[in-house]
Amino acid sequence: MKKLTAFTVHTTAEGKRCAYMYSVIDADGNITEANKRANCVLLDEEALAAVQQLESFLDRRLAEE
């Protein structure tokens, strides 16, 4: 099983790029691989909407500080 451990989204020339880290866990619960890394450009409209929602939330939070 793969377990997401961290992610970040940033804007690049290609669009919204998501970099993420994960661990691989076997059937006995042992971590067989840690800190695996991957990335992708977000094309899915639902994922892009979720990113926009988070960015809006953080913009409002910053305005309140």
Protein backbone atom coordinates (compact mmCIF):
# COMPACT_ATOMS: atom_id res chain seq x y z
CA MET A 1 0.00 0.00 0.00
CA LYS A 2 1.19 3.53 -0.70
CA LYS A 3 0.61 6.17 1.98
CA LEU A 4 0.78 9.87 1.06
CA THR A 5 3.07 11.69 3.49
CA ALA A 6 3.33 15.22 2.07
CA PHE A 7 2.48 17.34 -0.94
CA THR A 8 2.82 20.86 -2.30
CA VAL A 9 1.29 22.64 -5.26
CA HIS A 10 2.98 25.43 -7.14
CA THR A 11 2.48 27.28 -10.40
CA THR A 12 4.89 26.59 -13.25
CA ALA A 13 4.90 27.40 -16.95
CA GLU A 14 3.01 24.12 -17.51
CA GLY A 15 0.27 24.95 -14.97
CA LYS A 16 -0.32 23.80 -11.41
CA ARG A 17 2.35 21.23 -10.54
CA CYS A 18 1.86 18.91 -7.59
CA ALA A 19 4.94 17.40 -5.97
CA TYR A 20 4.27 14.68 -3.42
CA MET A 21 6.00 12.19 -1.15
CA TYR A 22 4.81 8.79 -0.03
CA SER A 23 5.85 5.64 1.81
CA VAL A 24 5.23 2.05 0.74
CA ILE A 25 3.81 -0.21 3.47
CA ASP A 26 3.57 -4.00 3.19
CA ALA A 27 0.68 -6.21 4.38
CA ASP A 28 2.32 -6.60 7.81
CA GLY A 29 2.51 -2.84 8.36
CA ASN A 30 6.23 -2.57 7.70
CA ILE A 31 7.50 0.46 5.84
CA THR A 32 9.39 -1.01 2.91
CA GLU A 33 10.17 2.29 1.19
CA ALA A 34 10.10 5.82 2.59
CA ASN A 35 10.39 9.30 1.13
CA LYS A 36 9.48 8.21 -2.39
CA ARG A 37 8.88 11.28 -4.55
CA ALA A 38 6.78 12.00 -7.60
CA ASN A 39 5.13 14.94 -9.31
CA CYS A 40 2.50 15.73 -11.92
CA VAL A 41 0.78 18.63 -13.62
CA LEU A 42 -2.80 18.90 -12.41
CA LEU A 43 -5.29 18.59 -15.28
CA ASP A 44 -8.32 17.25 -13.40
CA GLU A 45 -10.91 20.02 -12.92
CA GLU A 46 -11.90 18.75 -9.47
CA ALA A 47 -8.29 18.80 -8.27
CA LEU A 48 -7.75 22.28 -9.71
CA ALA A 49 -10.91 23.52 -7.98
CA ALA A 50 -9.67 22.09 -4.66
CA VAL A 51 -6.35 23.91 -5.08
CA GLN A 52 -8.21 27.15 -5.85
CA GLN A 53 -10.33 26.69 -2.72
CA LEU A 54 -7.22 26.24 -0.56
CA GLU A 55 -5.51 29.26 -2.13
CA SER A 56 -8.61 31.40 -1.47
CA PHE A 57 -8.74 30.22 2.14
CA LEU A 58 -5.09 31.11 2.66
CA ASP A 59 -5.53 34.53 1.00
CA ARG A 60 -8.40 35.31 3.42
CA ARG A 61 -6.33 34.10 6.35
CA LEU A 62 -3.44 36.33 5.36
CA ALA A 63 -5.76 39.33 5.03
CA GLU A 64 -6.89 38.80 8.63
CA GLU A 65 -3.37 38.81 10.08
